[in-house]
N, C-alpha and C. Protein backbone atom coordinates (compact mmCIF):
# COMPACT_ATOMS: atom_id res chain seq x y z
N MET A 1 0.85 -1.17 0.00
CA MET A 1 0.00 0.00 0.00
C MET A 1 0.90 1.24 0.00
N PRO A 2 0.64 2.18 -0.92
CA PRO A 2 1.52 3.35 -1.01
C PRO A 2 1.30 4.30 0.16
N ASP A 3 2.34 5.03 0.47
CA ASP A 3 2.26 6.05 1.51
C ASP A 3 1.32 7.16 1.04
N HIS A 4 0.60 7.80 1.96
CA HIS A 4 -0.36 8.83 1.57
C HIS A 4 0.29 10.05 0.94
N GLN A 5 1.58 10.23 1.12
CA GLN A 5 2.26 11.37 0.53
C GLN A 5 2.80 11.06 -0.86
N GLU A 6 2.78 9.81 -1.26
CA GLU A 6 3.27 9.44 -2.58
C GLU A 6 2.22 9.80 -3.63
N ARG A 7 2.69 10.27 -4.74
CA ARG A 7 1.77 10.62 -5.82
C ARG A 7 1.71 9.47 -6.81
N SER A 8 0.58 9.38 -7.49
CA SER A 8 0.41 8.31 -8.48
C SER A 8 1.33 8.55 -9.68
N ALA A 9 1.49 7.52 -10.48
CA ALA A 9 2.35 7.61 -11.66
C ALA A 9 1.82 8.65 -12.64
N THR A 10 0.51 8.75 -12.78
CA THR A 10 -0.04 9.73 -13.72
C THR A 10 0.22 11.16 -13.23
N ALA A 11 0.18 11.37 -11.92
CA ALA A 11 0.47 12.71 -11.40
C ALA A 11 1.93 13.06 -11.61
N LEU A 12 2.81 12.10 -11.45
CA LEU A 12 4.24 12.34 -11.64
C LEU A 12 4.59 12.51 -13.11
N ALA A 13 3.83 11.90 -13.98
CA ALA A 13 4.13 11.97 -15.41
C ALA A 13 3.95 13.38 -15.96
N HIS A 14 3.10 14.17 -15.33
CA HIS A 14 2.86 15.52 -15.81
C HIS A 14 3.88 16.52 -15.28
N GLY A 15 4.69 16.12 -14.33
CA GLY A 15 5.72 17.01 -13.81
C GLY A 15 5.18 18.00 -12.79
N ALA A 16 6.01 18.94 -12.45
CA ALA A 16 5.64 19.95 -11.46
C ALA A 16 4.58 20.89 -12.02
N ALA A 17 3.86 21.53 -11.14
CA ALA A 17 2.83 22.48 -11.55
C ALA A 17 3.47 23.66 -12.26
N GLN A 18 2.89 24.05 -13.35
CA GLN A 18 3.37 25.18 -14.12
C GLN A 18 2.57 26.42 -13.74
N CYS A 19 3.05 27.56 -14.11
CA CYS A 19 2.38 28.83 -13.82
C CYS A 19 0.97 28.83 -14.39
N ASP A 20 0.80 28.30 -15.60
CA ASP A 20 -0.53 28.24 -16.22
C ASP A 20 -1.49 27.38 -15.40
N ASP A 21 -0.96 26.28 -14.84
CA ASP A 21 -1.79 25.41 -14.01
C ASP A 21 -2.30 26.15 -12.78
N ILE A 22 -1.43 26.91 -12.17
CA ILE A 22 -1.79 27.65 -10.95
C ILE A 22 -2.82 28.71 -11.27
N GLU A 23 -2.64 29.42 -12.38
CA GLU A 23 -3.61 30.45 -12.77
C GLU A 23 -4.96 29.83 -13.09
N ARG A 24 -4.96 28.68 -13.77
CA ARG A 24 -6.21 28.00 -14.11
C ARG A 24 -6.97 27.60 -12.85
N VAL A 25 -6.25 27.07 -11.88
CA VAL A 25 -6.89 26.67 -10.62
C VAL A 25 -7.43 27.89 -9.90
N ARG A 26 -6.69 28.99 -9.90
CA ARG A 26 -7.18 30.22 -9.26
C ARG A 26 -8.46 30.70 -9.92
N ARG A 27 -8.51 30.65 -11.25
CA ARG A 27 -9.73 31.06 -11.96
C ARG A 27 -10.89 30.13 -11.61
N ASP A 28 -10.62 28.83 -11.54
CA ASP A 28 -11.66 27.86 -11.19
C ASP A 28 -12.19 28.11 -9.78
N VAL A 29 -11.29 28.39 -8.85
CA VAL A 29 -11.71 28.66 -7.47
C VAL A 29 -12.52 29.94 -7.40
N ASP A 30 -12.08 30.97 -8.10
CA ASP A 30 -12.83 32.23 -8.13
C ASP A 30 -14.22 32.02 -8.70
N ALA A 31 -14.32 31.25 -9.77
CA ALA A 31 -15.63 30.98 -10.38
C ALA A 31 -16.52 30.20 -9.43
N ALA A 32 -15.94 29.24 -8.72
CA ALA A 32 -16.72 28.45 -7.76
C ALA A 32 -17.20 29.32 -6.61
N GLU A 33 -16.35 30.20 -6.12
CA GLU A 33 -16.75 31.10 -5.03
C GLU A 33 -17.86 32.04 -5.49
N ALA A 34 -17.78 32.54 -6.70
CA ALA A 34 -18.83 33.42 -7.23
C ALA A 34 -20.14 32.67 -7.36
N SER A 35 -20.07 31.43 -7.79
CA SER A 35 -21.27 30.61 -7.92
C SER A 35 -21.93 30.38 -6.57
N VAL A 36 -21.13 30.09 -5.56
CA VAL A 36 -21.67 29.88 -4.22
C VAL A 36 -22.29 31.17 -3.68
N ALA A 37 -21.65 32.29 -3.94
CA ALA A 37 -22.19 33.58 -3.48
C ALA A 37 -23.54 33.87 -4.15
N ARG A 38 -23.65 33.59 -5.46
CA ARG A 38 -24.93 33.80 -6.14
C ARG A 38 -25.99 32.87 -5.58
N ALA A 39 -25.64 31.63 -5.31
CA ALA A 39 -26.60 30.68 -4.75
C ALA A 39 -27.06 31.13 -3.36
N ASP A 40 -26.14 31.65 -2.57
CA ASP A 40 -26.51 32.16 -1.24
C ASP A 40 -27.45 33.34 -1.34
N GLN A 41 -27.19 34.25 -2.27
CA GLN A 41 -28.05 35.41 -2.45
C GLN A 41 -29.44 34.98 -2.91
N THR A 42 -29.49 34.04 -3.83
CA THR A 42 -30.78 33.54 -4.32
C THR A 42 -31.55 32.87 -3.20
N SER A 43 -30.87 32.08 -2.42
CA SER A 43 -31.52 31.40 -1.30
C SER A 43 -32.07 32.40 -0.29
N ALA A 44 -31.30 33.42 0.03
CA ALA A 44 -31.76 34.44 0.97
C ALA A 44 -32.97 35.19 0.41
N ARG A 45 -32.95 35.49 -0.87
CA ARG A 45 -34.06 36.18 -1.52
C ARG A 45 -35.33 35.32 -1.43
N ARG A 46 -35.19 34.03 -1.68
CA ARG A 46 -36.35 33.13 -1.60
C ARG A 46 -36.90 33.05 -0.18
N ARG A 47 -35.99 32.98 0.80
CA ARG A 47 -36.45 32.94 2.20
C ARG A 47 -37.21 34.19 2.56
N ARG A 48 -36.70 35.37 2.15
CA ARG A 48 -37.41 36.63 2.44
C ARG A 48 -38.77 36.65 1.77
N ARG A 49 -38.83 36.19 0.53
CA ARG A 49 -40.10 36.17 -0.20
C ARG A 49 -41.11 35.25 0.48
N ARG A 50 -40.66 34.05 0.90
CA ARG A 50 -41.57 33.13 1.60
C ARG A 50 -42.05 33.71 2.92
N ARG A 51 -41.13 34.35 3.66
CA ARG A 51 -41.50 34.97 4.94
C ARG A 51 -42.53 36.07 4.71
N ARG A 52 -42.30 36.90 3.71
CA ARG A 52 -43.22 37.98 3.39
C ARG A 52 -44.59 37.42 2.99
N HIS A 53 -44.59 36.33 2.23
CA HIS A 53 -45.83 35.68 1.81
C HIS A 53 -46.59 35.13 3.02
N ARG A 54 -45.88 34.48 3.94
CA ARG A 54 -46.53 33.95 5.15
C ARG A 54 -47.12 35.07 5.98
N GLU A 55 -46.38 36.17 6.15
CA GLU A 55 -46.88 37.30 6.93
C GLU A 55 -48.11 37.92 6.28
N THR A 56 -48.10 38.02 4.97
CA THR A 56 -49.24 38.57 4.26
C THR A 56 -50.44 37.64 4.39
N ALA A 57 -50.23 36.33 4.33
CA ALA A 57 -51.32 35.37 4.48
C ALA A 57 -51.93 35.42 5.87
N ARG A 58 -51.12 35.68 6.89
CA ARG A 58 -51.64 35.76 8.26
C ARG A 58 -52.44 37.05 8.47
N ASN A 59 -51.99 38.12 7.87
CA ASN A 59 -52.62 39.42 8.07
C ASN A 59 -52.90 40.05 6.72
N PRO A 60 -54.03 39.72 6.10
CA PRO A 60 -54.30 40.20 4.73
C PRO A 60 -54.49 41.71 4.66
N ASP A 61 -54.76 42.38 5.78
CA ASP A 61 -54.96 43.83 5.76
C ASP A 61 -53.64 44.61 5.76
N ALA A 62 -52.53 43.92 6.00
CA ALA A 62 -51.22 44.59 6.05
C ALA A 62 -50.82 45.07 4.67
N GLN A 63 -50.10 46.16 4.64
CA GLN A 63 -49.58 46.70 3.39
C GLN A 63 -48.34 45.92 2.98
N PRO A 64 -48.18 45.55 1.71
CA PRO A 64 -46.98 44.81 1.28
C PRO A 64 -45.74 45.69 1.24
């Protein structure tokens, strides 16, 4: 069984990380973070809308 710090043959075959590899990963991480932020904003918007809908249903005379 290989040591957990050993890399597979395919990982070693590609050599050390190049500058382009690092930049690509940074772009991927930035895109993933932006996606999570948009999902969080959408989720918060939906929660507010549902809460507002429940409050309006409880008190139909209230102003929206």
